[in-house]
């Protein structure tokens, strides 16, 4: 389904102009202008996609909780043509699985050299730092945060991290912070309704291999 064929769902209450106006009212015109230029979202995992808690089972297996609304926000971003990547300092099979489920365009796991890893992501995706949003929550993220046009963090981040960011979410990591940003980003472009319309196409319906089985959790 092309952009010209995509119809905003009748039940969605906002026009593109109303979306942009709502975004400006929420965060101001300067941040909306930055967000409208974003073509790549890069996310830390622990503390952003999750709440940062590390839980281990009796055999040493790791458990992480992901937010379903965050997941839909990332699907909507993909439907709007925005690339997504994860950049985390920990090796995690659980994060790798989530990345696969959501069809991320790039992933760097087990990387503490976040500036170098981010540069690799930019090369792999063909995006530029001035069109990139990075979302991280701790000191190790600062090298990447200071590279991009839209550095974002969460309330639990240290003050020194907040100081280098242009926006701090209201929601916490793993509790809707990513969804808050994807909605704001898409509304800044006037494209949230269009992305929702694109999801109505059969081409965007999840396939069996995209869905987790609760039996294997």
Protein backbone atom coordinates (compact mmCIF):
# COMPACT_ATOMS: atom_id res chain seq x y z
CA UNK A 1 0.00 0.00 0.00
CA UNK A 2 1.58 3.29 -1.10
CA UNK A 3 1.46 6.58 0.78
CA UNK A 4 -1.12 7.90 -1.68
CA UNK A 5 -3.33 4.85 -1.14
CA UNK A 6 -3.09 4.86 2.65
CA UNK A 7 -6.25 6.10 4.34
CA UNK A 8 -6.34 7.39 7.89
CA UNK A 9 -8.83 5.17 9.77
CA UNK A 10 -12.27 6.75 10.24
CA UNK A 11 -12.09 6.08 13.98
CA UNK A 12 -8.82 8.02 14.40
CA UNK A 13 -9.78 11.50 15.68
CA UNK A 14 -6.91 13.72 14.46
CA UNK A 15 -5.96 15.14 11.09
CA UNK A 16 -2.23 15.48 10.27
CA UNK A 17 -2.38 19.20 11.05
CA UNK A 18 -4.05 18.48 14.40
CA UNK A 19 -1.35 15.92 15.19
CA UNK A 20 1.39 18.45 14.55
CA UNK A 21 -0.42 21.09 16.60
CA UNK A 22 -0.77 18.65 19.51
CA UNK A 23 2.94 17.86 19.34
CA UNK A 24 3.86 21.56 19.35
CA UNK A 25 1.57 22.15 22.33
CA UNK A 26 3.23 19.27 24.20
CA UNK A 27 6.93 19.97 23.61
CA UNK A 28 7.27 23.20 21.62
CA UNK A 29 8.10 23.97 17.99
CA UNK A 30 11.87 23.52 18.22
CA UNK A 31 11.72 19.91 19.39
CA UNK A 32 8.91 19.14 16.95
CA UNK A 33 11.11 20.40 14.11
CA UNK A 34 13.92 18.09 15.24
CA UNK A 35 11.59 15.12 15.60
CA UNK A 36 10.07 15.68 12.17
CA UNK A 37 13.50 15.07 10.64
CA UNK A 38 14.16 11.75 12.39
CA UNK A 39 14.70 8.76 10.10
CA UNK A 40 16.34 6.39 12.61
CA UNK A 41 15.55 5.52 16.24
CA UNK A 42 18.37 3.88 18.24
CA UNK A 43 17.45 2.44 21.63
CA UNK A 44 19.39 1.18 24.61
CA UNK A 45 17.81 -1.99 25.99
CA UNK A 46 18.10 -2.13 29.80
CA UNK A 47 16.36 0.90 31.27
CA UNK A 48 14.73 1.91 27.98
CA UNK A 49 13.09 -1.12 26.37
CA UNK A 50 12.95 -2.66 29.86
CA UNK A 51 12.72 -1.18 33.34
CA UNK A 52 16.37 -2.05 33.98
CA UNK A 53 15.74 -4.87 36.46
CA UNK A 54 17.85 -8.00 35.90
CA UNK A 55 16.04 -11.18 36.95
CA UNK A 56 17.67 -14.62 36.94
CA UNK A 57 16.09 -18.05 37.15
CA UNK A 58 17.47 -21.00 39.14
CA UNK A 59 19.57 -22.17 36.19
CA UNK A 60 21.00 -18.70 35.57
CA UNK A 61 18.57 -17.89 32.77
CA UNK A 62 17.79 -14.18 32.38
CA UNK A 63 14.30 -12.72 32.29
CA UNK A 64 13.31 -9.30 30.99
CA UNK A 65 9.89 -7.68 30.64
CA UNK A 66 9.03 -5.68 27.53
CA UNK A 67 6.11 -3.29 27.17
CA UNK A 68 3.50 -4.24 24.57
CA UNK A 69 2.58 -0.61 23.90
CA UNK A 70 6.23 0.17 23.23
CA UNK A 71 6.15 -2.68 20.73
CA UNK A 72 3.19 -1.26 18.84
CA UNK A 73 4.86 2.13 18.77
CA UNK A 74 7.93 0.61 17.13
CA UNK A 75 5.73 -1.21 14.60
CA UNK A 76 4.02 2.10 13.80
CA UNK A 77 7.41 3.76 13.36
CA UNK A 78 8.36 1.05 10.87
CA UNK A 79 5.07 1.56 9.04
CA UNK A 80 5.97 5.26 8.77
CA UNK A 81 9.31 4.40 7.17
CA UNK A 82 11.47 5.04 10.23
CA UNK A 83 14.30 2.59 10.83
CA UNK A 84 14.87 1.14 14.31
CA UNK A 85 18.01 -0.20 16.00
CA UNK A 86 19.06 -1.40 19.43
CA UNK A 87 22.46 -0.67 20.99
CA UNK A 88 23.16 -2.29 24.35
CA UNK A 89 26.14 -3.12 26.50
CA UNK A 90 24.85 -6.56 27.44
CA UNK A 91 24.69 -9.74 25.38
CA UNK A 92 21.10 -10.93 25.71
CA UNK A 93 19.25 -13.67 23.87
CA UNK A 94 15.99 -12.18 25.13
CA UNK A 95 16.77 -8.78 23.59
CA UNK A 96 17.88 -10.47 20.37
CA UNK A 97 14.53 -12.24 20.23
CA UNK A 98 12.62 -8.99 20.73
CA UNK A 99 14.66 -7.33 17.98
CA UNK A 100 13.78 -10.18 15.62
CA UNK A 101 10.08 -10.05 16.50
CA UNK A 102 9.92 -6.33 15.76
CA UNK A 103 12.05 -6.55 12.58
CA UNK A 104 14.65 -4.02 13.69
CA UNK A 105 16.94 -2.87 10.91
CA UNK A 106 20.11 -3.09 13.04
CA UNK A 107 21.29 -4.42 16.40
CA UNK A 108 24.52 -4.12 18.35
CA UNK A 109 24.61 -6.26 21.50
CA UNK A 110 27.43 -6.44 24.03
CA UNK A 111 28.88 -3.07 22.97
CA UNK A 112 30.20 -0.63 25.56
CA UNK A 113 31.94 1.37 22.82
CA UNK A 114 28.67 3.03 21.99
CA UNK A 115 30.05 5.82 19.82
CA UNK A 116 31.77 3.32 17.52
CA UNK A 117 28.74 1.03 17.53
CA UNK A 118 26.43 3.92 16.68
CA UNK A 119 28.70 4.90 13.79
CA UNK A 120 28.39 1.33 12.50
CA UNK A 121 24.59 1.50 12.75
CA UNK A 122 24.57 4.76 10.79
CA UNK A 123 26.64 3.18 8.04
CA UNK A 124 24.50 0.04 7.93
CA UNK A 125 21.22 1.94 7.77
CA UNK A 126 22.41 4.73 5.50
CA UNK A 127 21.23 7.33 8.00
CA UNK A 128 23.00 10.41 9.32
CA UNK A 129 23.45 11.56 12.91
CA UNK A 130 21.42 14.69 12.18
CA UNK A 131 18.43 12.47 11.35
CA UNK A 132 18.83 10.15 14.34
CA UNK A 133 17.13 9.88 17.73
CA UNK A 134 19.06 8.03 20.44
CA UNK A 135 17.40 7.00 23.67
CA UNK A 136 19.58 5.94 26.61
CA UNK A 137 19.47 6.12 30.38
CA UNK A 138 22.98 5.97 31.83
CA UNK A 139 26.52 7.32 31.69
CA UNK A 140 27.63 4.73 29.13
CA UNK A 141 25.10 6.20 26.69
CA UNK A 142 26.47 9.73 26.79
CA UNK A 143 28.94 9.25 23.93
CA UNK A 144 26.08 8.21 21.65
CA UNK A 145 23.62 10.77 23.01
CA UNK A 146 26.00 13.62 22.18
CA UNK A 147 26.39 12.40 18.57
CA UNK A 148 22.78 12.72 17.44
CA UNK A 149 20.26 15.47 16.72
CA UNK A 150 17.65 14.15 19.15
CA UNK A 151 19.09 12.72 22.40
CA UNK A 152 16.32 11.49 24.72
CA UNK A 153 16.32 9.91 28.16
CA UNK A 154 13.97 8.76 30.93
CA UNK A 155 13.21 10.07 34.45
CA UNK A 156 15.51 7.59 36.22
CA UNK A 157 18.61 8.75 34.31
CA UNK A 158 21.39 10.56 36.20
CA UNK A 159 21.19 14.35 36.03
CA UNK A 160 24.36 14.55 33.94
CA UNK A 161 22.66 12.39 31.29
CA UNK A 162 19.52 14.54 31.37
CA UNK A 163 21.71 17.61 30.86
CA UNK A 164 22.84 16.44 27.40
CA UNK A 165 19.33 15.46 26.25
CA UNK A 166 16.70 17.59 24.53
CA UNK A 167 13.82 15.67 26.11
CA UNK A 168 13.08 13.57 29.18
CA UNK A 169 10.02 11.33 28.90
CA UNK A 170 7.25 11.29 31.48
CA UNK A 171 7.04 7.49 31.42
CA UNK A 172 9.82 5.30 32.73
CA UNK A 173 11.88 2.79 30.81
CA UNK A 174 9.94 -0.40 30.18
CA UNK A 175 6.73 1.40 31.16
CA UNK A 176 5.81 3.20 27.95
CA UNK A 177 8.73 5.61 27.47
CA UNK A 178 9.44 4.30 23.98
CA UNK A 179 5.76 4.52 23.00
CA UNK A 180 5.64 8.08 24.31
CA UNK A 181 8.51 8.97 21.98
CA UNK A 182 7.24 7.11 18.91
CA UNK A 183 3.80 8.73 19.24
CA UNK A 184 5.39 12.16 19.66
CA UNK A 185 7.72 11.57 16.72
CA UNK A 186 4.92 10.45 14.39
CA UNK A 187 2.63 13.29 15.45
CA UNK A 188 5.46 15.76 14.82
CA UNK A 189 5.42 14.51 11.22
CA UNK A 190 1.62 14.45 11.05
CA UNK A 191 1.92 10.75 10.34
CA UNK A 192 0.47 8.74 13.22
CA UNK A 193 -2.96 8.32 11.63
CA UNK A 194 -1.38 7.37 8.31
CA UNK A 195 0.79 4.74 10.00
CA UNK A 196 -2.29 3.32 11.72
CA UNK A 197 -4.01 3.16 8.35
CA UNK A 198 -1.09 1.30 6.84
CA UNK A 199 -1.38 -1.36 9.55
CA UNK A 200 -4.87 -2.18 8.26
CA UNK A 201 -3.28 -3.63 5.11
CA UNK A 202 -2.91 -7.45 5.00
CA UNK A 203 0.78 -6.88 4.24
CA UNK A 204 1.25 -5.61 7.80
CA UNK A 205 -0.53 -8.42 9.62
CA UNK A 206 1.90 -10.40 11.81
CA UNK A 207 2.96 -13.80 10.54
CA UNK A 208 3.11 -16.86 12.77
CA UNK A 209 6.90 -16.69 12.98
CA UNK A 210 6.67 -13.10 14.27
CA UNK A 211 4.59 -14.03 17.29
CA UNK A 212 5.93 -15.26 20.60
CA UNK A 213 4.47 -18.39 22.14
CA UNK A 214 3.64 -18.07 25.82
CA UNK A 215 4.57 -21.72 26.15
CA UNK A 216 8.22 -20.89 25.51
CA UNK A 217 8.46 -17.82 27.74
